[in-house]
Amino acid sequence: MDTPFPGDLVRCSPTKGCGEWKPRSAMAQPGPRAPLCAACYQRARRARQGPAVARRANLWSKYRITVDQYDALRASQDFRCAICGVHESEVDMSHVGGRPRKDGRELEKMPLAVDHDHRTGAVRGLLCPRCNAGIGNFADDPSRLWAAVAYLEAFRPNM
């Protein structure tokens, strides 16, 4: 690509960011020294955060709830999955958490995931990893879940 017209595009810092030419509107940190695009700025900001701050930011940005609201929901569910009732102390933590942090610091893992309606964003409750993955794999569609129940019932051995 030829060098773009300076007024249209800005180069994200090649030393601190991705080094790509992007529209000025995509820059989170514009300026004469080391401009960063929004993605590189977020990545750099999150790398400086500790696990507790990252958890707080994640709960707010994804679900619009605070850590206190999450903890109140846990207590209201008696620290159990809203579907299967497994206690959070019994959850296999090896299946909990997101990507490892690039700085090597531990993630602050929580055994119960926030379940929310993907259309409205409304929080429904807290689920263990298995139940959360299960309803996610059925695309939050009750008819698909009922069809799965009927399928399993049809092949249930007589006891």
N, C-alpha and C. Protein backbone atom coordinates (compact mmCIF):
# COMPACT_ATOMS: atom_id res chain seq x y z
N MET A 1 0.85 -1.18 0.00
CA MET A 1 0.00 0.00 0.00
C MET A 1 0.89 1.24 0.00
N ASP A 2 0.53 2.22 -0.82
CA ASP A 2 1.26 3.48 -0.82
C ASP A 2 0.98 4.23 0.48
N THR A 3 1.88 5.14 0.80
CA THR A 3 1.67 5.94 1.99
C THR A 3 0.38 6.73 1.82
N PRO A 4 -0.58 6.57 2.72
CA PRO A 4 -1.88 7.24 2.57
C PRO A 4 -1.76 8.73 2.83
N PHE A 5 -2.76 9.44 2.38
CA PHE A 5 -2.83 10.87 2.63
C PHE A 5 -2.91 11.08 4.14
N PRO A 6 -2.04 11.87 4.72
CA PRO A 6 -1.94 12.00 6.17
C PRO A 6 -3.24 12.38 6.87
N GLY A 7 -4.11 13.11 6.22
CA GLY A 7 -5.35 13.54 6.86
C GLY A 7 -6.38 12.44 6.99
N ASP A 8 -6.29 11.40 6.16
CA ASP A 8 -7.29 10.34 6.15
C ASP A 8 -6.97 9.21 7.12
N LEU A 9 -5.74 8.78 7.14
CA LEU A 9 -5.35 7.62 7.95
C LEU A 9 -4.21 7.98 8.90
N VAL A 10 -4.16 7.25 10.00
CA VAL A 10 -3.11 7.42 10.98
C VAL A 10 -2.51 6.05 11.23
N ARG A 11 -1.22 6.01 11.41
CA ARG A 11 -0.56 4.72 11.67
C ARG A 11 -0.50 4.46 13.16
N CYS A 12 -1.04 3.32 13.56
CA CYS A 12 -0.94 2.88 14.96
C CYS A 12 0.53 2.64 15.24
N SER A 13 0.95 2.97 16.42
CA SER A 13 2.37 2.86 16.79
C SER A 13 2.92 1.47 16.48
N PRO A 14 3.99 1.39 15.67
CA PRO A 14 4.56 0.07 15.36
C PRO A 14 5.31 -0.52 16.56
N THR A 15 5.73 0.28 17.51
CA THR A 15 6.45 -0.25 18.67
C THR A 15 5.51 -0.65 19.80
N LYS A 16 4.43 0.10 20.00
CA LYS A 16 3.51 -0.19 21.09
C LYS A 16 2.20 -0.81 20.62
N GLY A 17 1.97 -0.80 19.31
CA GLY A 17 0.71 -1.31 18.77
C GLY A 17 0.93 -2.19 17.56
N CYS A 18 -0.07 -2.22 16.69
CA CYS A 18 -0.06 -3.13 15.54
C CYS A 18 0.68 -2.56 14.33
N GLY A 19 0.88 -1.25 14.28
CA GLY A 19 1.60 -0.63 13.17
C GLY A 19 0.79 -0.47 11.90
N GLU A 20 -0.52 -0.75 11.96
CA GLU A 20 -1.37 -0.66 10.77
C GLU A 20 -1.89 0.77 10.58
N TRP A 21 -2.14 1.11 9.31
CA TRP A 21 -2.76 2.39 8.97
C TRP A 21 -4.25 2.24 9.16
N LYS A 22 -4.85 3.15 9.94
CA LYS A 22 -6.28 3.07 10.23
C LYS A 22 -6.89 4.46 10.17
N PRO A 23 -8.23 4.52 9.98
CA PRO A 23 -8.88 5.83 9.97
C PRO A 23 -8.66 6.56 11.30
N ARG A 24 -8.58 7.85 11.23
CA ARG A 24 -8.37 8.66 12.44
C ARG A 24 -9.44 8.36 13.49
N SER A 25 -10.66 8.06 13.06
CA SER A 25 -11.75 7.77 14.00
C SER A 25 -11.53 6.47 14.76
N ALA A 26 -10.66 5.59 14.26
CA ALA A 26 -10.38 4.32 14.94
C ALA A 26 -9.31 4.44 16.00
N MET A 27 -8.76 5.62 16.16
CA MET A 27 -7.69 5.83 17.12
C MET A 27 -8.26 6.17 18.50
N ALA A 28 -7.83 5.42 19.49
CA ALA A 28 -8.27 5.68 20.86
C ALA A 28 -7.35 6.68 21.52
N GLN A 29 -6.11 6.68 21.11
CA GLN A 29 -5.12 7.58 21.68
C GLN A 29 -4.43 8.32 20.54
N PRO A 30 -5.13 9.31 19.96
CA PRO A 30 -4.50 10.03 18.87
C PRO A 30 -3.46 10.99 19.43
N GLY A 31 -2.62 11.45 18.61
CA GLY A 31 -1.64 12.42 19.06
C GLY A 31 -0.36 12.30 18.27
N PRO A 32 0.52 13.23 18.50
CA PRO A 32 1.77 13.24 17.73
C PRO A 32 2.70 12.09 18.09
N ARG A 33 2.66 11.64 19.35
CA ARG A 33 3.57 10.56 19.75
C ARG A 33 2.80 9.28 20.00
N ALA A 34 3.23 8.19 19.43
CA ALA A 34 2.71 6.84 19.66
C ALA A 34 1.19 6.74 19.67
N PRO A 35 0.51 7.09 18.55
CA PRO A 35 -0.94 6.91 18.53
C PRO A 35 -1.27 5.42 18.57
N LEU A 36 -2.33 5.08 19.26
CA LEU A 36 -2.77 3.69 19.35
C LEU A 36 -4.20 3.56 18.87
N CYS A 37 -4.46 2.53 18.07
CA CYS A 37 -5.83 2.26 17.65
C CYS A 37 -6.59 1.72 18.88
N ALA A 38 -7.90 1.66 18.78
CA ALA A 38 -8.72 1.25 19.91
C ALA A 38 -8.36 -0.15 20.40
N ALA A 39 -8.12 -1.09 19.48
CA ALA A 39 -7.81 -2.46 19.88
C ALA A 39 -6.48 -2.53 20.64
N CYS A 40 -5.47 -1.84 20.15
CA CYS A 40 -4.16 -1.86 20.81
C CYS A 40 -4.22 -1.12 22.15
N TYR A 41 -4.98 -0.05 22.21
CA TYR A 41 -5.14 0.69 23.46
C TYR A 41 -5.80 -0.20 24.51
N GLN A 42 -6.88 -0.91 24.13
CA GLN A 42 -7.56 -1.82 25.07
C GLN A 42 -6.61 -2.91 25.54
N ARG A 43 -5.86 -3.49 24.62
CA ARG A 43 -4.93 -4.56 24.97
C ARG A 43 -3.88 -4.06 25.97
N ALA A 44 -3.34 -2.88 25.73
CA ALA A 44 -2.33 -2.32 26.63
C ALA A 44 -2.93 -1.97 27.98
N ARG A 45 -4.14 -1.44 27.98
CA ARG A 45 -4.80 -1.07 29.24
C ARG A 45 -5.09 -2.30 30.08
N ARG A 46 -5.59 -3.36 29.44
CA ARG A 46 -5.92 -4.59 30.18
C ARG A 46 -4.68 -5.30 30.69
N ALA A 47 -3.57 -5.17 29.99
CA ALA A 47 -2.33 -5.80 30.44
C ALA A 47 -1.84 -5.19 31.75
N ARG A 48 -2.18 -3.92 31.99
CA ARG A 48 -1.77 -3.25 33.22
C ARG A 48 -2.69 -3.56 34.39
N GLN A 49 -3.87 -4.09 34.12
CA GLN A 49 -4.85 -4.34 35.17
C GLN A 49 -4.52 -5.60 35.95
N GLY A 50 -4.82 -5.58 37.22
CA GLY A 50 -4.73 -6.79 38.04
C GLY A 50 -5.97 -7.64 37.81
N PRO A 51 -5.96 -8.90 38.27
CA PRO A 51 -7.10 -9.79 38.06
C PRO A 51 -8.43 -9.27 38.61
N ALA A 52 -8.41 -8.62 39.79
CA ALA A 52 -9.66 -8.12 40.37
C ALA A 52 -10.24 -6.97 39.53
N VAL A 53 -9.37 -6.10 39.04
CA VAL A 53 -9.84 -4.99 38.21
C VAL A 53 -10.36 -5.53 36.88
N ALA A 54 -9.67 -6.51 36.31
CA ALA A 54 -10.12 -7.11 35.05
C ALA A 54 -11.48 -7.78 35.23
N ARG A 55 -11.69 -8.45 36.36
CA ARG A 55 -12.97 -9.11 36.63
C ARG A 55 -14.08 -8.06 36.73
N ARG A 56 -13.83 -6.99 37.46
CA ARG A 56 -14.82 -5.92 37.61
C ARG A 56 -15.18 -5.33 36.24
N ALA A 57 -14.15 -5.05 35.44
CA ALA A 57 -14.37 -4.48 34.11
C ALA A 57 -15.13 -5.44 33.21
N ASN A 58 -14.81 -6.73 33.30
CA ASN A 58 -15.47 -7.74 32.49
C ASN A 58 -16.95 -7.85 32.85
N LEU A 59 -17.26 -7.91 34.14
CA LEU A 59 -18.66 -8.01 34.56
C LEU A 59 -19.46 -6.80 34.09
N TRP A 60 -18.85 -5.63 34.18
CA TRP A 60 -19.58 -4.42 33.77
C TRP A 60 -19.72 -4.34 32.25
N SER A 61 -18.63 -4.58 31.52
CA SER A 61 -18.69 -4.40 30.06
C SER A 61 -19.57 -5.45 29.38
N LYS A 62 -19.59 -6.67 29.90
CA LYS A 62 -20.38 -7.72 29.25
C LYS A 62 -21.83 -7.77 29.74
N TYR A 63 -22.03 -7.57 31.06
CA TYR A 63 -23.36 -7.82 31.64
C TYR A 63 -23.98 -6.62 32.34
N ARG A 64 -23.23 -5.52 32.46
CA ARG A 64 -23.69 -4.32 33.15
C ARG A 64 -24.10 -4.61 34.60
N ILE A 65 -23.29 -5.45 35.27
CA ILE A 65 -23.49 -5.69 36.69
C ILE A 65 -22.17 -5.45 37.42
N THR A 66 -22.28 -5.12 38.70
CA THR A 66 -21.10 -4.89 39.52
C THR A 66 -20.69 -6.20 40.21
N VAL A 67 -19.53 -6.20 40.81
CA VAL A 67 -19.07 -7.37 41.57
C VAL A 67 -20.03 -7.62 42.73
N ASP A 68 -20.52 -6.56 43.38
CA ASP A 68 -21.47 -6.71 44.48
C ASP A 68 -22.78 -7.35 44.00
N GLN A 69 -23.26 -6.97 42.82
CA GLN A 69 -24.48 -7.57 42.28
C GLN A 69 -24.25 -9.05 41.96
N TYR A 70 -23.07 -9.37 41.41
CA TYR A 70 -22.73 -10.77 41.13
C TYR A 70 -22.73 -11.57 42.43
N ASP A 71 -22.08 -11.03 43.46
CA ASP A 71 -22.00 -11.73 44.75
C ASP A 71 -23.38 -11.88 45.40
N ALA A 72 -24.25 -10.87 45.25
CA ALA A 72 -25.61 -10.96 45.78
C ALA A 72 -26.40 -12.04 45.05
N LEU A 73 -26.20 -12.16 43.74
CA LEU A 73 -26.87 -13.20 42.96
C LEU A 73 -26.38 -14.58 43.39
N ARG A 74 -25.08 -14.70 43.62
CA ARG A 74 -24.53 -15.97 44.13
C ARG A 74 -25.20 -16.36 45.45
N ALA A 75 -25.29 -15.42 46.36
CA ALA A 75 -25.89 -15.69 47.67
C ALA A 75 -27.37 -16.04 47.52
N SER A 76 -28.09 -15.34 46.63
CA SER A 76 -29.52 -15.61 46.45
C SER A 76 -29.75 -17.01 45.87
N GLN A 77 -28.77 -17.54 45.15
CA GLN A 77 -28.87 -18.89 44.59
C GLN A 77 -28.22 -19.91 45.52
N ASP A 78 -27.88 -19.50 46.74
CA ASP A 78 -27.24 -20.37 47.73
C ASP A 78 -25.93 -20.95 47.19
N PHE A 79 -25.23 -20.15 46.37
CA PHE A 79 -23.93 -20.51 45.80
C PHE A 79 -24.01 -21.78 44.94
N ARG A 80 -25.16 -21.94 44.27
CA ARG A 80 -25.42 -23.13 43.44
C ARG A 80 -25.81 -22.72 42.02
N CYS A 81 -25.60 -23.63 41.10
CA CYS A 81 -26.02 -23.44 39.71
C CYS A 81 -27.54 -23.33 39.68
N ALA A 82 -28.06 -22.38 38.92
CA ALA A 82 -29.50 -22.17 38.83
C ALA A 82 -30.23 -23.30 38.12
N ILE A 83 -29.52 -24.16 37.39
CA ILE A 83 -30.17 -25.26 36.67
C ILE A 83 -30.00 -26.58 37.42
N CYS A 84 -28.77 -27.02 37.60
CA CYS A 84 -28.55 -28.36 38.17
C CYS A 84 -28.37 -28.35 39.68
N GLY A 85 -28.11 -27.19 40.26
CA GLY A 85 -27.99 -27.09 41.71
C GLY A 85 -26.64 -27.48 42.28
N VAL A 86 -25.64 -27.74 41.44
CA VAL A 86 -24.33 -28.09 41.96
C VAL A 86 -23.76 -26.89 42.73
N HIS A 87 -23.15 -27.14 43.88
CA HIS A 87 -22.57 -26.07 44.68
C HIS A 87 -21.28 -25.60 44.02
N GLU A 88 -21.00 -24.32 44.12
CA GLU A 88 -19.81 -23.78 43.45
C GLU A 88 -18.51 -24.42 43.95
N SER A 89 -18.50 -24.95 45.15
CA SER A 89 -17.29 -25.62 45.67
C SER A 89 -17.05 -26.96 44.98
N GLU A 90 -18.07 -27.49 44.29
CA GLU A 90 -17.95 -28.77 43.61
C GLU A 90 -17.65 -28.63 42.12
N VAL A 91 -17.57 -27.40 41.63
CA VAL A 91 -17.33 -27.16 40.20
C VAL A 91 -15.86 -27.44 39.88
N ASP A 92 -15.64 -28.17 38.78
CA ASP A 92 -14.28 -28.46 38.31
C ASP A 92 -13.70 -27.18 37.72
N MET A 93 -12.78 -26.57 38.45
CA MET A 93 -12.24 -25.27 38.05
C MET A 93 -11.31 -25.36 36.84
N SER A 94 -10.93 -26.56 36.42
CA SER A 94 -10.07 -26.68 35.24
C SER A 94 -10.83 -26.31 33.96
N HIS A 95 -12.17 -26.27 34.04
CA HIS A 95 -12.99 -25.90 32.87
C HIS A 95 -13.53 -24.48 32.99
N VAL A 96 -12.97 -23.70 33.90
CA VAL A 96 -13.46 -22.35 34.16
C VAL A 96 -12.40 -21.35 33.75
N GLY A 97 -12.84 -20.23 33.18
CA GLY A 97 -11.91 -19.15 32.86
C GLY A 97 -11.77 -18.94 31.37
N GLY A 98 -11.19 -17.81 31.04
CA GLY A 98 -10.99 -17.46 29.65
C GLY A 98 -9.57 -17.71 29.21
N ARG A 99 -9.13 -16.89 28.27
CA ARG A 99 -7.76 -17.01 27.76
C ARG A 99 -6.77 -16.70 28.87
N PRO A 100 -5.62 -17.34 28.86
CA PRO A 100 -4.58 -16.99 29.84
C PRO A 100 -4.13 -15.55 29.60
N ARG A 101 -3.76 -14.88 30.67
CA ARG A 101 -3.26 -13.51 30.55
C ARG A 101 -1.88 -13.53 29.91
N LYS A 102 -1.60 -12.56 29.05
CA LYS A 102 -0.30 -12.50 28.38
C LYS A 102 0.83 -12.20 29.35
N ASP A 103 0.50 -11.52 30.46
CA ASP A 103 1.55 -11.18 31.42
C ASP A 103 1.83 -12.33 32.39
N GLY A 104 1.12 -13.44 32.25
CA GLY A 104 1.38 -14.61 33.07
C GLY A 104 0.66 -14.61 34.41
N ARG A 105 0.00 -13.50 34.76
CA ARG A 105 -0.71 -13.47 36.04
C ARG A 105 -1.94 -14.36 35.98
N GLU A 106 -2.32 -14.87 37.15
CA GLU A 106 -3.48 -15.75 37.24
C GLU A 106 -4.77 -15.00 36.94
N LEU A 107 -5.72 -15.70 36.33
CA LEU A 107 -7.06 -15.16 36.16
C LEU A 107 -7.79 -15.30 37.50
N GLU A 108 -8.72 -14.41 37.76
CA GLU A 108 -9.57 -14.56 38.94
C GLU A 108 -10.78 -15.37 38.47
N LYS A 109 -10.71 -16.67 38.63
CA LYS A 109 -11.75 -17.56 38.12
C LYS A 109 -12.92 -17.64 39.10
N MET A 110 -14.12 -17.62 38.53
CA MET A 110 -15.33 -17.77 39.32
C MET A 110 -16.04 -19.03 38.83
N PRO A 111 -16.46 -19.90 39.75
CA PRO A 111 -17.05 -21.19 39.34
C PRO A 111 -18.41 -21.07 38.67
N LEU A 112 -19.14 -19.99 38.93
CA LEU A 112 -20.46 -19.83 38.32
C LEU A 112 -20.43 -18.70 37.30
N ALA A 113 -20.85 -19.01 36.09
CA ALA A 113 -20.85 -18.03 34.99
C ALA A 113 -22.16 -17.25 34.97
N VAL A 114 -22.08 -16.02 34.52
CA VAL A 114 -23.28 -15.19 34.36
C VAL A 114 -24.01 -15.66 33.11
N ASP A 115 -25.27 -16.05 33.29
CA ASP A 115 -26.11 -16.43 32.16
C ASP A 115 -26.98 -15.24 31.81
N HIS A 116 -27.04 -14.92 30.52
CA HIS A 116 -27.83 -13.77 30.10
C HIS A 116 -28.52 -14.05 28.78
N ASP A 117 -29.59 -13.32 28.54
CA ASP A 117 -30.33 -13.40 27.29
C ASP A 117 -29.52 -12.66 26.24
N HIS A 118 -29.14 -13.33 25.17
CA HIS A 118 -28.29 -12.73 24.16
C HIS A 118 -29.01 -11.68 23.32
N ARG A 119 -30.33 -11.70 23.32
CA ARG A 119 -31.09 -10.68 22.58
C ARG A 119 -31.24 -9.41 23.38
N THR A 120 -31.61 -9.54 24.67
CA THR A 120 -31.90 -8.35 25.48
C THR A 120 -30.73 -7.95 26.37
N GLY A 121 -29.84 -8.88 26.66
CA GLY A 121 -28.73 -8.61 27.56
C GLY A 121 -29.09 -8.80 29.02
N ALA A 122 -30.35 -9.13 29.32
CA ALA A 122 -30.80 -9.28 30.70
C ALA A 122 -30.13 -10.50 31.36
N VAL A 123 -29.63 -10.31 32.57
CA VAL A 123 -29.02 -11.39 33.33
C VAL A 123 -30.12 -12.29 33.87
N ARG A 124 -29.97 -13.61 33.66
CA ARG A 124 -30.97 -14.57 34.12
C ARG A 124 -30.56 -15.25 35.41
N GLY A 125 -29.27 -15.49 35.58
CA GLY A 125 -28.79 -16.19 36.77
C GLY A 125 -27.35 -16.61 36.59
N LEU A 126 -26.88 -17.47 37.49
CA LEU A 126 -25.51 -17.98 37.44
C LEU A 126 -25.56 -19.48 37.21
N LEU A 127 -24.69 -19.96 36.32
CA LEU A 127 -24.69 -21.37 35.95
C LEU A 127 -23.30 -21.96 36.06
N CYS A 128 -23.26 -23.29 36.32
CA CYS A 128 -21.98 -24.00 36.29
C CYS A 128 -21.53 -24.09 34.83
N PRO A 129 -20.26 -24.42 34.59
CA PRO A 129 -19.78 -24.48 33.20
C PRO A 129 -20.54 -25.45 32.31
N ARG A 130 -20.94 -26.59 32.85
CA ARG A 130 -21.66 -27.58 32.01
C ARG A 130 -23.02 -27.06 31.58
N CYS A 131 -23.78 -26.52 32.52
CA CYS A 131 -25.12 -26.01 32.18
C CYS A 131 -25.01 -24.80 31.27
N ASN A 132 -24.05 -23.94 31.52
CA ASN A 132 -23.86 -22.75 30.70
C ASN A 132 -23.52 -23.15 29.26
N ALA A 133 -22.62 -24.10 29.10
CA ALA A 133 -22.27 -24.57 27.76
C ALA A 133 -23.45 -25.28 27.11
N GLY A 134 -24.21 -26.03 27.90
CA GLY A 134 -25.36 -26.76 27.37
C GLY A 134 -26.40 -25.85 26.76
N ILE A 135 -26.83 -24.85 27.51
CA ILE A 135 -27.86 -23.98 26.93
C ILE A 135 -27.28 -23.11 25.83
N GLY A 136 -26.00 -22.81 25.92
CA GLY A 136 -25.36 -22.06 24.83
C GLY A 136 -25.33 -22.87 23.56
N ASN A 137 -25.04 -24.17 23.67
CA ASN A 137 -25.01 -25.03 22.49
C ASN A 137 -26.39 -25.24 21.88
N PHE A 138 -27.43 -25.04 22.68
CA PHE A 138 -28.80 -25.13 22.16
C PHE A 138 -29.32 -23.75 21.77
N ALA A 139 -28.43 -22.77 21.70
CA ALA A 139 -28.74 -21.42 21.24
C ALA A 139 -29.89 -20.78 22.03
N ASP A 140 -29.98 -21.10 23.32
CA ASP A 140 -31.02 -20.54 24.20
C ASP A 140 -32.43 -20.79 23.68
N ASP A 141 -32.61 -21.86 22.90
CA ASP A 141 -33.89 -22.15 22.27
C ASP A 141 -34.61 -23.26 23.03
N PRO A 142 -35.68 -22.93 23.78
CA PRO A 142 -36.39 -23.95 24.57
C PRO A 142 -36.91 -25.11 23.71
N SER A 143 -37.33 -24.85 22.48
CA SER A 143 -37.85 -25.94 21.65
C SER A 143 -36.75 -26.96 21.34
N ARG A 144 -35.54 -26.49 21.15
CA ARG A 144 -34.43 -27.41 20.91
C ARG A 144 -34.13 -28.22 22.18
N LEU A 145 -34.22 -27.57 23.34
CA LEU A 145 -33.99 -28.28 24.60
C LEU A 145 -35.07 -29.34 24.84
N TRP A 146 -36.34 -28.98 24.57
CA TRP A 146 -37.43 -29.96 24.72
C TRP A 146 -37.26 -31.12 23.75
N ALA A 147 -36.80 -30.83 22.54
CA ALA A 147 -36.55 -31.90 21.57
C ALA A 147 -35.44 -32.82 22.08
N ALA A 148 -34.43 -32.25 22.72
CA ALA A 148 -33.34 -33.07 23.28
C ALA A 148 -33.86 -33.94 24.42
N VAL A 149 -34.75 -33.39 25.24
CA VAL A 149 -35.35 -34.16 26.35
C VAL A 149 -36.14 -35.33 25.77
N ALA A 150 -36.96 -35.06 24.76
CA ALA A 150 -37.76 -36.12 24.13
C ALA A 150 -36.86 -37.20 23.54
N TYR A 151 -35.79 -36.80 22.91
CA TYR A 151 -34.84 -37.74 22.33
C TYR A 151 -34.24 -38.63 23.41
N LEU A 152 -33.78 -38.03 24.50
CA LEU A 152 -33.18 -38.80 25.59
C LEU A 152 -34.19 -39.73 26.24
N GLU A 153 -35.43 -39.24 26.42
CA GLU A 153 -36.49 -40.07 27.01
C GLU A 153 -36.80 -41.28 26.12
N ALA A 154 -36.78 -41.09 24.82
CA ALA A 154 -37.08 -42.18 23.89
C ALA A 154 -36.05 -43.30 23.99
N PHE A 155 -34.84 -42.98 24.36
CA PHE A 155 -33.79 -43.99 24.43
C PHE A 155 -33.38 -44.33 25.86
N ARG A 156 -34.20 -43.93 26.83
CA ARG A 156 -33.93 -44.24 28.23
C ARG A 156 -34.17 -45.72 28.46
N PRO A 157 -33.21 -46.40 29.07
CA PRO A 157 -33.42 -47.83 29.34
C PRO A 157 -34.48 -48.02 30.43
N ASN A 158 -35.23 -49.11 30.30
CA ASN A 158 -36.26 -49.41 31.31
C ASN A 158 -35.57 -49.81 32.60
N MET A 159 -36.05 -49.25 33.68
CA MET A 159 -35.45 -49.60 34.99
C MET A 159 -36.46 -50.17 35.91
